Amino acid sequence: MNRLTKKLFALTAALLLSLALAAPAYAADAAQTAGQDNTIGLKAIAAGIAVGVAAAGGAVGMGLSTAKASESIARQPEAEGKIRTTLMLGLVFIETAIIYALLVVILIIFVL
């Protein structure tokens, strides 16, 4: 067997094992869960996805802007002050967007 097949087999075995061990969790009595509100779990999933996407997008944006600013300073050292000022302003705007996403998530969890 080549390495890819072995890795695929190990991944499949781990997936099947985890599904087999999680089966009792799915065997809950329907009468117990009939009167419960299931939106709490959905809110948690939505909040996690929203914060994750916002943080990942912000991290990529910050990384790219920092890299481009470093390249610009390396090409034109005399414009370092203007480049750094523009970089900091851009980073502040990116961070503000991430904080707004966090506020929306908090509203989703506690208000809706």
PDB file of N, CA and C in Angstrom:
ATOM      1  N   MET A   1       0.832  -1.178   0.000  1.00  0.00           N
ATOM      2  CA  MET A   1       0.000   0.000   0.000  1.00  0.00           C
ATOM      3  C   MET A   1       0.876   1.241   0.000  1.00  0.00           C
ATOM      4  N   ASN A   2       0.461   2.217  -0.728  1.00  0.00           N
ATOM      5  CA  ASN A   2       1.247   3.448  -0.701  1.00  0.00           C
ATOM      6  C   ASN A   2       0.819   4.304   0.485  1.00  0.00           C
ATOM      7  N   ARG A   3       1.525   5.397   0.707  1.00  0.00           N
ATOM      8  CA  ARG A   3       1.301   6.230   1.895  1.00  0.00           C
ATOM      9  C   ARG A   3      -0.072   6.881   1.886  1.00  0.00           C
ATOM     10  N   LEU A   4      -0.545   7.319   0.730  1.00  0.00           N
ATOM     11  CA  LEU A   4      -1.836   7.981   0.648  1.00  0.00           C
ATOM     12  C   LEU A   4      -2.961   7.039   1.036  1.00  0.00           C
ATOM     13  N   THR A   5      -2.883   5.800   0.585  1.00  0.00           N
ATOM     14  CA  THR A   5      -3.911   4.823   0.922  1.00  0.00           C
ATOM     15  C   THR A   5      -3.901   4.527   2.414  1.00  0.00           C
ATOM     16  N   LYS A   6      -2.716   4.439   3.012  1.00  0.00           N
ATOM     17  CA  LYS A   6      -2.632   4.191   4.450  1.00  0.00           C
ATOM     18  C   LYS A   6      -3.221   5.360   5.247  1.00  0.00           C
ATOM     19  N   LYS A   7      -2.921   6.568   4.830  1.00  0.00           N
ATOM     20  CA  LYS A   7      -3.464   7.727   5.517  1.00  0.00           C
ATOM     21  C   LYS A   7      -4.978   7.787   5.368  1.00  0.00           C
ATOM     22  N   LEU A   8      -5.480   7.486   4.182  1.00  0.00           N
ATOM     23  CA  LEU A   8      -6.919   7.484   3.952  1.00  0.00           C
ATOM     24  C   LEU A   8      -7.605   6.413   4.787  1.00  0.00           C
ATOM     25  N   PHE A   9      -6.989   5.255   4.895  1.00  0.00           N
ATOM     26  CA  PHE A   9      -7.543   4.184   5.713  1.00  0.00           C
ATOM     27  C   PHE A   9      -7.562   4.577   7.185  1.00  0.00           C
ATOM     28  N   ALA A  10      -6.490   5.187   7.676  1.00  0.00           N
ATOM     29  CA  ALA A  10      -6.429   5.613   9.077  1.00  0.00           C
ATOM     30  C   ALA A  10      -7.463   6.694   9.363  1.00  0.00           C
ATOM     31  N   LEU A  11      -7.649   7.629   8.447  1.00  0.00           N
ATOM     32  CA  LEU A  11      -8.640   8.672   8.619  1.00  0.00           C
ATOM     33  C   LEU A  11     -10.053   8.101   8.640  1.00  0.00           C
ATOM     34  N   THR A  12     -10.321   7.155   7.749  1.00  0.00           N
ATOM     35  CA  THR A  12     -11.632   6.517   7.716  1.00  0.00           C
ATOM     36  C   THR A  12     -11.889   5.724   8.992  1.00  0.00           C
ATOM     37  N   ALA A  13     -10.883   5.026   9.484  1.00  0.00           N
ATOM     38  CA  ALA A  13     -11.042   4.259  10.713  1.00  0.00           C
ATOM     39  C   ALA A  13     -11.298   5.183  11.901  1.00  0.00           C
ATOM     40  N   ALA A  14     -10.598   6.299  11.970  1.00  0.00           N
ATOM     41  CA  ALA A  14     -10.813   7.250  13.058  1.00  0.00           C
ATOM     42  C   ALA A  14     -12.209   7.854  12.994  1.00  0.00           C
ATOM     43  N   LEU A  15     -12.677   8.147  11.797  1.00  0.00           N
ATOM     44  CA  LEU A  15     -14.023   8.695  11.626  1.00  0.00           C
ATOM     45  C   LEU A  15     -15.086   7.691  12.049  1.00  0.00           C
ATOM     46  N   LEU A  16     -14.940   6.451  11.639  1.00  0.00           N
ATOM     47  CA  LEU A  16     -15.907   5.423  12.018  1.00  0.00           C
ATOM     48  C   LEU A  16     -15.891   5.167  13.523  1.00  0.00           C
ATOM     49  N   LEU A  17     -14.724   5.196  14.121  1.00  0.00           N
ATOM     50  CA  LEU A  17     -14.629   5.010  15.564  1.00  0.00           C
ATOM     51  C   LEU A  17     -15.311   6.144  16.320  1.00  0.00           C
ATOM     52  N   SER A  18     -15.083   7.364  15.872  1.00  0.00           N
ATOM     53  CA  SER A  18     -15.725   8.500  16.547  1.00  0.00           C
ATOM     54  C   SER A  18     -17.236   8.471  16.376  1.00  0.00           C
ATOM     55  N   LEU A  19     -17.724   8.050  15.217  1.00  0.00           N
ATOM     56  CA  LEU A  19     -19.169   7.934  15.019  1.00  0.00           C
ATOM     57  C   LEU A  19     -19.758   6.821  15.873  1.00  0.00           C
ATOM     58  N   ALA A  20     -19.029   5.736  16.012  1.00  0.00           N
ATOM     59  CA  ALA A  20     -19.522   4.630  16.836  1.00  0.00           C
ATOM     60  C   ALA A  20     -19.585   5.014  18.305  1.00  0.00           C
ATOM     61  N   LEU A  21     -18.609   5.798  18.773  1.00  0.00           N
ATOM     62  CA  LEU A  21     -18.608   6.212  20.167  1.00  0.00           C
ATOM     63  C   LEU A  21     -19.636   7.308  20.439  1.00  0.00           C
ATOM     64  N   ALA A  22     -20.028   8.050  19.415  1.00  0.00           N
ATOM     65  CA  ALA A  22     -20.994   9.125  19.595  1.00  0.00           C
ATOM     66  C   ALA A  22     -22.435   8.653  19.433  1.00  0.00           C
ATOM     67  N   ALA A  23     -22.648   7.427  19.047  1.00  0.00           N
ATOM     68  CA  ALA A  23     -24.000   6.933  18.808  1.00  0.00           C
ATOM     69  C   ALA A  23     -24.906   7.028  20.027  1.00  0.00           C
ATOM     70  N   PRO A  24     -24.458   6.741  21.245  1.00  0.00           N
ATOM     71  CA  PRO A  24     -25.367   6.877  22.390  1.00  0.00           C
ATOM     72  C   PRO A  24     -25.871   8.310  22.602  1.00  0.00           C
ATOM     73  N   ALA A  25     -25.121   9.273  22.183  1.00  0.00           N
ATOM     74  CA  ALA A  25     -25.567  10.654  22.343  1.00  0.00           C
ATOM     75  C   ALA A  25     -26.765  10.954  21.452  1.00  0.00           C
ATOM     76  N   TYR A  26     -26.841  10.277  20.327  1.00  0.00           N
ATOM     77  CA  TYR A  26     -27.956  10.501  19.414  1.00  0.00           C
ATOM     78  C   TYR A  26     -29.175   9.656  19.769  1.00  0.00           C
ATOM     79  N   ALA A  27     -29.053   8.790  20.747  1.00  0.00           N
ATOM     80  CA  ALA A  27     -30.142   7.887  21.100  1.00  0.00           C
ATOM     81  C   ALA A  27     -31.000   8.448  22.222  1.00  0.00           C
ATOM     82  N   ALA A  28     -31.061   9.767  22.369  1.00  0.00           N
ATOM     83  CA  ALA A  28     -31.866  10.379  23.428  1.00  0.00           C
ATOM     84  C   ALA A  28     -33.342  10.131  23.155  1.00  0.00           C
ATOM     85  N   ASP A  29     -34.088  10.068  24.219  1.00  0.00           N
ATOM     86  CA  ASP A  29     -35.517   9.821  24.114  1.00  0.00           C
ATOM     87  C   ASP A  29     -36.198  11.034  23.485  1.00  0.00           C
ATOM     88  N   ALA A  30     -37.079  10.816  22.538  1.00  0.00           N
ATOM     89  CA  ALA A  30     -37.755  11.902  21.848  1.00  0.00           C
ATOM     90  C   ALA A  30     -38.706  12.639  22.777  1.00  0.00           C
ATOM     91  N   ALA A  31     -39.243  11.962  23.765  1.00  0.00           N
ATOM     92  CA  ALA A  31     -40.159  12.608  24.696  1.00  0.00           C
ATOM     93  C   ALA A  31     -39.430  13.615  25.583  1.00  0.00           C
ATOM     94  N   GLN A  32     -38.161  13.375  25.873  1.00  0.00           N
ATOM     95  CA  GLN A  32     -37.401  14.301  26.704  1.00  0.00           C
ATOM     96  C   GLN A  32     -37.077  15.582  25.956  1.00  0.00           C
ATOM     97  N   THR A  33     -36.812  15.495  24.680  1.00  0.00           N
ATOM     98  CA  THR A  33     -36.385  16.660  23.914  1.00  0.00           C
ATOM     99  C   THR A  33     -37.528  17.356  23.203  1.00  0.00           C
ATOM    100  N   ALA A  34     -38.754  16.862  23.330  1.00  0.00           N
ATOM    101  CA  ALA A  34     -39.869  17.439  22.578  1.00  0.00           C
ATOM    102  C   ALA A  34     -40.208  18.846  23.050  1.00  0.00           C
ATOM    103  N   GLY A  35     -40.153  19.115  24.344  1.00  0.00           N
ATOM    104  CA  GLY A  35     -40.548  20.419  24.849  1.00  0.00           C
ATOM    105  C   GLY A  35     -39.404  21.398  25.004  1.00  0.00           C
ATOM    106  N   GLN A  36     -38.198  21.030  24.654  1.00  0.00           N
ATOM    107  CA  GLN A  36     -37.046  21.901  24.860  1.00  0.00           C
ATOM    108  C   GLN A  36     -36.828  22.820  23.667  1.00  0.00           C
ATOM    109  N   ASP A  37     -36.208  23.964  23.954  1.00  0.00           N
ATOM    110  CA  ASP A  37     -35.873  24.926  22.913  1.00  0.00           C
ATOM    111  C   ASP A  37     -34.492  24.590  22.373  1.00  0.00           C
ATOM    112  N   ASN A  38     -34.403  24.284  21.086  1.00  0.00           N
ATOM    113  CA  ASN A  38     -33.133  23.872  20.489  1.00  0.00           C
ATOM    114  C   ASN A  38     -32.391  25.024  19.818  1.00  0.00           C
ATOM    115  N   THR A  39     -32.882  26.247  19.986  1.00  0.00           N
ATOM    116  CA  THR A  39     -32.212  27.363  19.308  1.00  0.00           C
ATOM    117  C   THR A  39     -30.918  27.771  19.990  1.00  0.00           C
ATOM    118  N   ILE A  40     -30.705  27.363  21.217  1.00  0.00           N
ATOM    119  CA  ILE A  40     -29.473  27.733  21.923  1.00  0.00           C
ATOM    120  C   ILE A  40     -28.261  27.140  21.210  1.00  0.00           C
ATOM    121  N   GLY A  41     -28.359  25.892  20.825  1.00  0.00           N
ATOM    122  CA  GLY A  41     -27.259  25.261  20.106  1.00  0.00           C
ATOM    123  C   GLY A  41     -27.014  25.889  18.749  1.00  0.00           C
ATOM    124  N   LEU A  42     -28.107  26.246  18.065  1.00  0.00           N
ATOM    125  CA  LEU A  42     -27.949  26.889  16.763  1.00  0.00           C
ATOM    126  C   LEU A  42     -27.324  28.271  16.895  1.00  0.00           C
ATOM    127  N   LYS A  43     -27.685  28.983  17.962  1.00  0.00           N
ATOM    128  CA  LYS A  43     -27.065  30.292  18.201  1.00  0.00           C
ATOM    129  C   LYS A  43     -25.567  30.138  18.457  1.00  0.00           C
ATOM    130  N   ALA A  44     -25.208  29.119  19.206  1.00  0.00           N
ATOM    131  CA  ALA A  44     -23.793  28.899  19.497  1.00  0.00           C
ATOM    132  C   ALA A  44     -23.015  28.572  18.228  1.00  0.00           C
ATOM    133  N   ILE A  45     -23.598  27.751  17.375  1.00  0.00           N
ATOM    134  CA  ILE A  45     -22.935  27.405  16.112  1.00  0.00           C
ATOM    135  C   ILE A  45     -22.797  28.644  15.229  1.00  0.00           C
ATOM    136  N   ALA A  46     -23.865  29.438  15.125  1.00  0.00           N
ATOM    137  CA  ALA A  46     -23.816  30.655  14.308  1.00  0.00           C
ATOM    138  C   ALA A  46     -22.790  31.637  14.858  1.00  0.00           C
ATOM    139  N   ALA A  47     -22.742  31.763  16.183  1.00  0.00           N
ATOM    140  CA  ALA A  47     -21.781  32.682  16.789  1.00  0.00           C
ATOM    141  C   ALA A  47     -20.348  32.231  16.536  1.00  0.00           C
ATOM    142  N   GLY A  48     -20.103  30.950  16.670  1.00  0.00           N
ATOM    143  CA  GLY A  48     -18.763  30.428  16.419  1.00  0.00           C
ATOM    144  C   GLY A  48     -18.322  30.621  14.985  1.00  0.00           C
ATOM    145  N   ILE A  49     -19.226  30.365  14.055  1.00  0.00           N
ATOM    146  CA  ILE A  49     -18.888  30.544  12.639  1.00  0.00           C
ATOM    147  C   ILE A  49     -18.639  32.022  12.335  1.00  0.00           C
ATOM    148  N   ALA A  50     -19.492  32.903  12.874  1.00  0.00           N
ATOM    149  CA  ALA A  50     -19.350  34.335  12.589  1.00  0.00           C
ATOM    150  C   ALA A  50     -18.037  34.889  13.131  1.00  0.00           C
ATOM    151  N   VAL A  51     -17.710  34.553  14.367  1.00  0.00           N
ATOM    152  CA  VAL A  51     -16.453  35.047  14.941  1.00  0.00           C
ATOM    153  C   VAL A  51     -15.260  34.435  14.221  1.00  0.00           C
ATOM    154  N   GLY A  52     -15.356  33.169  13.857  1.00  0.00           N
ATOM    155  CA  GLY A  52     -14.261  32.515  13.145  1.00  0.00           C
ATOM    156  C   GLY A  52     -13.991  33.132  11.790  1.00  0.00           C
ATOM    157  N   VAL A  53     -15.050  33.406  11.041  1.00  0.00           N
ATOM    158  CA  VAL A  53     -14.879  34.015   9.720  1.00  0.00           C
ATOM    159  C   VAL A  53     -14.337  35.434   9.853  1.00  0.00           C
ATOM    160  N   ALA A  54     -14.864  36.186  10.813  1.00  0.00           N
ATOM    161  CA  ALA A  54     -14.386  37.562  10.999  1.00  0.00           C
ATOM    162  C   ALA A  54     -12.916  37.586  11.419  1.00  0.00           C
ATOM    163  N   ALA A  55     -12.555  36.709  12.343  1.00  0.00           N
ATOM    164  CA  ALA A  55     -11.166  36.683  12.806  1.00  0.00           C
ATOM    165  C   ALA A  55     -10.224  36.207  11.702  1.00  0.00           C
ATOM    166  N   ALA A  56     -10.647  35.209  10.953  1.00  0.00           N
ATOM    167  CA  ALA A  56      -9.793  34.712   9.875  1.00  0.00           C
ATOM    168  C   ALA A  56      -9.614  35.759   8.783  1.00  0.00           C
ATOM    169  N   GLY A  57     -10.704  36.422   8.414  1.00  0.00           N
ATOM    170  CA  GLY A  57     -10.609  37.474   7.405  1.00  0.00           C
ATOM    171  C   GLY A  57      -9.750  38.635   7.864  1.00  0.00           C
ATOM    172  N   GLY A  58      -9.927  39.018   9.126  1.00  0.00           N
ATOM    173  CA  GLY A  58      -9.111  40.097   9.667  1.00  0.00           C
ATOM    174  C   GLY A  58      -7.642  39.738   9.736  1.00  0.00           C
ATOM    175  N   ALA A  59      -7.357  38.493  10.120  1.00  0.00           N
ATOM    176  CA  ALA A  59      -5.963  38.054  10.203  1.00  0.00           C
ATOM    177  C   ALA A  59      -5.300  38.045   8.834  1.00  0.00           C
ATOM    178  N   VAL A  60      -6.021  37.590   7.829  1.00  0.00           N
ATOM    179  CA  VAL A  60      -5.467  37.589   6.468  1.00  0.00           C
ATOM    180  C   VAL A  60      -5.242  39.021   5.989  1.00  0.00           C
ATOM    181  N   GLY A  61      -6.217  39.895   6.244  1.00  0.00           N
ATOM    182  CA  GLY A  61      -6.074  41.292   5.843  1.00  0.00           C
ATOM    183  C   GLY A  61      -4.919  41.983   6.533  1.00  0.00           C
ATOM    184  N   MET A  62      -4.781  41.732   7.829  1.00  0.00           N
ATOM    185  CA  MET A  62      -3.669  42.344   8.574  1.00  0.00           C
ATOM    186  C   MET A  62      -2.324  41.820   8.096  1.00  0.00           C
ATOM    187  N   GLY A  63      -2.254  40.543   7.839  1.00  0.00           N
ATOM    188  CA  GLY A  63      -1.010  39.962   7.357  1.00  0.00           C
ATOM    189  C   GLY A  63      -0.601  40.507   5.999  1.00  0.00           C
ATOM    190  N   LEU A  64      -1.562  40.598   5.094  1.00  0.00           N
ATOM    191  CA  LEU A  64      -1.257  41.122   3.766  1.00  0.00           C
ATOM    192  C   LEU A  64      -0.860  42.594   3.819  1.00  0.00           C
ATOM    193  N   SER A  65      -1.583  43.379   4.619  1.00  0.00           N
ATOM    194  CA  SER A  65      -1.245  44.807   4.679  1.00  0.00           C
ATOM    195  C   SER A  65       0.125  45.030   5.329  1.00  0.00           C
ATOM    196  N   THR A  66       0.458  44.254   6.336  1.00  0.00           N
ATOM    197  CA  THR A  66       1.774  44.379   6.958  1.00  0.00           C
ATOM    198  C   THR A  66       2.881  43.975   5.994  1.00  0.00           C
ATOM    199  N   ALA A  67       2.645  42.912   5.238  1.00  0.00           N
ATOM    200  CA  ALA A  67       3.643  42.477   4.262  1.00  0.00           C
ATOM    201  C   ALA A  67       3.861  43.527   3.181  1.00  0.00           C
ATOM    202  N   LYS A  68       2.770  44.087   2.691  1.00  0.00           N
ATOM    203  CA  LYS A  68       2.906  45.106   1.642  1.00  0.00           C
ATOM    204  C   LYS A  68       3.551  46.384   2.183  1.00  0.00           C
ATOM    205  N   ALA A  69       3.252  46.725   3.427  1.00  0.00           N
ATOM    206  CA  ALA A  69       3.889  47.909   4.011  1.00  0.00           C
ATOM    207  C   ALA A  69       5.387  47.691   4.176  1.00  0.00           C
ATOM    208  N   SER A  70       5.774  46.490   4.590  1.00  0.00           N
ATOM    209  CA  SER A  70       7.202  46.189   4.724  1.00  0.00           C
ATOM    210  C   SER A  70       7.907  46.250   3.376  1.00  0.00           C
ATOM    211  N   GLU A  71       7.251  45.731   2.344  1.00  0.00           N
ATOM    212  CA  GLU A  71       7.834  45.811   1.001  1.00  0.00           C
ATOM    213  C   GLU A  71       7.976  47.261   0.548  1.00  0.00           C
ATOM    214  N   SER A  72       6.949  48.066   0.845  1.00  0.00           N
ATOM    215  CA  SER A  72       6.990  49.469   0.437  1.00  0.00           C
ATOM    216  C   SER A  72       8.097  50.231   1.157  1.00  0.00           C
ATOM    217  N   ILE A  73       8.268  49.962   2.441  1.00  0.00           N
ATOM    218  CA  ILE A  73       9.333  50.626   3.199  1.00  0.00           C
ATOM    219  C   ILE A  73      10.697  50.185   2.688  1.00  0.00           C
ATOM    220  N   ALA A  74      10.820  48.922   2.300  1.00  0.00           N
ATOM    221  CA  ALA A  74      12.088  48.438   1.763  1.00  0.00           C
ATOM    222  C   ALA A  74      12.405  49.095   0.428  1.00  0.00           C
ATOM    223  N   ARG A  75      11.385  49.383  -0.370  1.00  0.00           N
ATOM    224  CA  ARG A  75      11.621  50.013  -1.671  1.00  0.00           C
ATOM    225  C   ARG A  75      11.882  51.506  -1.546  1.00  0.00           C
ATOM    226  N   GLN A  76      11.136  52.160  -0.645  1.00  0.00           N
ATOM    227  CA  GLN A  76      11.296  53.602  -0.465  1.00  0.00           C
ATOM    228  C   GLN A  76      11.447  53.923   1.013  1.00  0.00           C
ATOM    229  N   PRO A  77      12.644  53.843   1.533  1.00  0.00           N
ATOM    230  CA  PRO A  77      12.850  54.100   2.969  1.00  0.00           C
ATOM    231  C   PRO A  77      12.515  55.535   3.378  1.00  0.00           C
ATOM    232  N   GLU A  78      12.599  56.470   2.444  1.00  0.00           N
ATOM    233  CA  GLU A  78      12.311  57.865   2.794  1.00  0.00           C
ATOM    234  C   GLU A  78      10.823  58.115   3.052  1.00  0.00           C
ATOM    235  N   ALA A  79       9.942  57.210   2.602  1.00  0.00           N
ATOM    236  CA  ALA A  79       8.492  57.358   2.805  1.00  0.00           C
ATOM    237  C   ALA A  79       7.998  56.511   3.972  1.00  0.00           C
ATOM    238  N   GLU A  80       8.898  56.149   4.864  1.00  0.00           N
ATOM    239  CA  GLU A  80       8.536  55.252   5.964  1.00  0.00           C
ATOM    240  C   GLU A  80       7.439  55.826   6.855  1.00  0.00           C
ATOM    241  N   GLY A  81       7.509  57.093   7.172  1.00  0.00           N
ATOM    242  CA  GLY A  81       6.519  57.713   8.054  1.00  0.00           C
ATOM    243  C   GLY A  81       5.113  57.668   7.483  1.00  0.00           C
ATOM    244  N   LYS A  82       4.974  58.024   6.213  1.00  0.00           N
ATOM    245  CA  LYS A  82       3.651  58.009   5.575  1.00  0.00           C
ATOM    246  C   LYS A  82       3.121  56.591   5.444  1.00  0.00           C
ATOM    247  N   ILE A  83       4.000  55.659   5.098  1.00  0.00           N
ATOM    248  CA  ILE A  83       3.569  54.268   4.941  1.00  0.00           C
ATOM    249  C   ILE A  83       3.121  53.702   6.286  1.00  0.00           C
ATOM    250  N   ARG A  84       3.887  53.977   7.331  1.00  0.00           N
ATOM    251  CA  ARG A  84       3.542  53.462   8.656  1.00  0.00           C
ATOM    252  C   ARG A  84       2.215  54.054   9.146  1.00  0.00           C
ATOM    253  N   THR A  85       1.995  55.339   8.903  1.00  0.00           N
ATOM    254  CA  THR A  85       0.741  55.978   9.317  1.00  0.00           C
ATOM    255  C   THR A  85      -0.445  55.352   8.599  1.00  0.00           C
ATOM    256  N   THR A  86      -0.300  55.152   7.300  1.00  0.00           N
ATOM    257  CA  THR A  86      -1.372  54.537   6.530  1.00  0.00           C
ATOM    258  C   THR A  86      -1.608  53.096   6.969  1.00  0.00           C
ATOM    259  N   LEU A  87      -0.543  52.371   7.276  1.00  0.00           N
ATOM    260  CA  LEU A  87      -0.665  50.995   7.747  1.00  0.00           C
ATOM    261  C   LEU A  87      -1.433  50.952   9.056  1.00  0.00           C
ATOM    262  N   MET A  88      -1.068  51.802   9.999  1.00  0.00           N
ATOM    263  CA  MET A  88      -1.741  51.794  11.298  1.00  0.00           C
ATOM    264  C   MET A  88      -3.214  52.143  11.165  1.00  0.00           C
ATOM    265  N   LEU A  89      -3.546  53.092  10.310  1.00  0.00           N
ATOM    266  CA  LEU A  89      -4.937  53.455  10.090  1.00  0.00           C
ATOM    267  C   LEU A  89      -5.714  52.286   9.491  1.00  0.00           C
ATOM    268  N   GLY A  90      -5.118  51.595   8.539  1.00  0.00           N
ATOM    269  CA  GLY A  90      -5.768  50.420   7.946  1.00  0.00           C
ATOM    270  C   GLY A  90      -5.958  49.291   8.945  1.00  0.00           C
ATOM    271  N   LEU A  91      -4.946  49.066   9.787  1.00  0.00           N
ATOM    272  CA  LEU A  91      -5.063  48.018  10.807  1.00  0.00           C
ATOM    273  C   LEU A  91      -6.155  48.351  11.816  1.00  0.00           C
ATOM    274  N   VAL A  92      -6.298  49.618  12.143  1.00  0.00           N
ATOM    275  CA  VAL A  92      -7.367  50.025  13.066  1.00  0.00           C
ATOM    276  C   VAL A  92      -8.732  49.750  12.456  1.00  0.00           C
ATOM    277  N   PHE A  93      -8.902  50.039  11.178  1.00  0.00           N
ATOM    278  CA  PHE A  93     -10.190  49.774  10.524  1.00  0.00           C
ATOM    279  C   PHE A  93     -10.494  48.280  10.464  1.00  0.00           C
ATOM    280  N   ILE A  94      -9.483  47.475  10.184  1.00  0.00           N
ATOM    281  CA  ILE A  94      -9.688  46.025  10.153  1.00  0.00           C
ATOM    282  C   ILE A  94     -10.074  45.517  11.534  1.00  0.00           C
ATOM    283  N   GLU A  95      -9.381  45.972  12.564  1.00  0.00           N
ATOM    284  CA  GLU A  95      -9.679  45.538  13.924  1.00  0.00           C
ATOM    285  C   GLU A  95     -11.076  45.991  14.351  1.00  0.00           C
ATOM    286  N   THR A  96     -11.487  47.176  13.903  1.00  0.00           N
ATOM    287  CA  THR A  96     -12.830  47.659  14.210  1.00  0.00           C
ATOM    288  C   THR A  96     -13.891  46.760  13.587  1.00  0.00           C
ATOM    289  N   ALA A  97     -13.656  46.301  12.386  1.00  0.00           N
ATOM    290  CA  ALA A  97     -14.618  45.388  11.752  1.00  0.00           C
ATOM    291  C   ALA A  97     -14.724  44.081  12.522  1.00  0.00           C
ATOM    292  N   ILE A  98     -13.620  43.588  13.040  1.00  0.00           N
ATOM    293  CA  ILE A  98     -13.647  42.356  13.837  1.00  0.00           C
ATOM    294  C   ILE A  98     -14.413  42.585  15.143  1.00  0.00           C
ATOM    295  N   ILE A  99     -14.212  43.730  15.772  1.00  0.00           N
ATOM    296  CA  ILE A  99     -14.929  44.036  17.009  1.00  0.00           C
ATOM    297  C   ILE A  99     -16.422  44.182  16.738  1.00  0.00           C
ATOM    298  N   TYR A 100     -16.802  44.775  15.603  1.00  0.00           N
ATOM    299  CA  TYR A 100     -18.225  44.853  15.252  1.00  0.00           C
ATOM    300  C   TYR A 100     -18.814  43.454  15.089  1.00  0.00           C
ATOM    301  N   ALA A 101     -18.066  42.553  14.487  1.00  0.00           N
ATOM    302  CA  ALA A 101     -18.548  41.174  14.347  1.00  0.00           C
ATOM    303  C   ALA A 101     -18.734  40.528  15.713  1.00  0.00           C
ATOM    304  N   LEU A 102     -17.822  40.801  16.633  1.00  0.00           N
ATOM    305  CA  LEU A 102     -17.964  40.273  17.989  1.00  0.00           C
ATOM    306  C   LEU A 102     -19.204  40.841  18.672  1.00  0.00           C
ATOM    307  N   LEU A 103     -19.476  42.128  18.487  1.00  0.00           N
ATOM    308  CA  LEU A 103     -20.676  42.718  19.066  1.00  0.00           C
ATOM    309  C   LEU A 103     -21.950  42.110  18.482  1.00  0.00           C
ATOM    310  N   VAL A 104     -21.952  41.850  17.188  1.00  0.00           N
ATOM    311  CA  VAL A 104     -23.110  41.213  16.565  1.00  0.00           C
ATOM    312  C   VAL A 104     -23.313  39.819  17.128  1.00  0.00           C
ATOM    313  N   VAL A 105     -22.239  39.101  17.346  1.00  0.00           N
ATOM    314  CA  VAL A 105     -22.331  37.758  17.920  1.00  0.00           C
ATOM    315  C   VAL A 105     -22.882  37.820  19.338  1.00  0.00           C
ATOM    316  N   ILE A 106     -22.439  38.788  20.120  1.00  0.00           N
ATOM    317  CA  ILE A 106     -22.962  38.932  21.474  1.00  0.00           C
ATOM    318  C   ILE A 106     -24.453  39.241  21.441  1.00  0.00           C
ATOM    319  N   LEU A 107     -24.870  40.073  20.487  1.00  0.00           N
ATOM    320  CA  LEU A 107     -26.301  40.347  20.339  1.00  0.00           C
ATOM    321  C   LEU A 107     -27.082  39.099  19.940  1.00  0.00           C
ATOM    322  N   ILE A 108     -26.493  38.291  19.060  1.00  0.00           N
ATOM    323  CA  ILE A 108     -27.155  37.056  18.652  1.00  0.00           C
ATOM    324  C   ILE A 108     -27.347  36.139  19.851  1.00  0.00           C
ATOM    325  N   ILE A 109     -26.331  36.017  20.663  1.00  0.00           N
ATOM    326  CA  ILE A 109     -26.396  35.086  21.793  1.00  0.00           C
ATOM    327  C   ILE A 109     -27.372  35.566  22.858  1.00  0.00           C
ATOM    328  N   PHE A 110     -27.308  36.828  23.238  1.00  0.00           N
ATOM    329  CA  PHE A 110     -28.050  37.281  24.404  1.00  0.00           C
ATOM    330  C   PHE A 110     -29.406  37.932  24.073  1.00  0.00           C
ATOM    331  N   VAL A 111     -29.596  38.460  22.881  1.00  0.00           N
ATOM    332  CA  VAL A 111     -30.832  39.169  22.578  1.00  0.00           C
ATOM    333  C   VAL A 111     -31.808  38.318  21.770  1.00  0.00           C
ATOM    334  N   LEU A 112     -31.327  37.651  20.767  1.00  0.00           N
ATOM    335  CA  LEU A 112     -32.236  36.876  19.906  1.00  0.00           C
ATOM    336  C   LEU A 112     -32.660  35.574  20.549  1.00  0.00           C
TER     337      LEU A 112
END
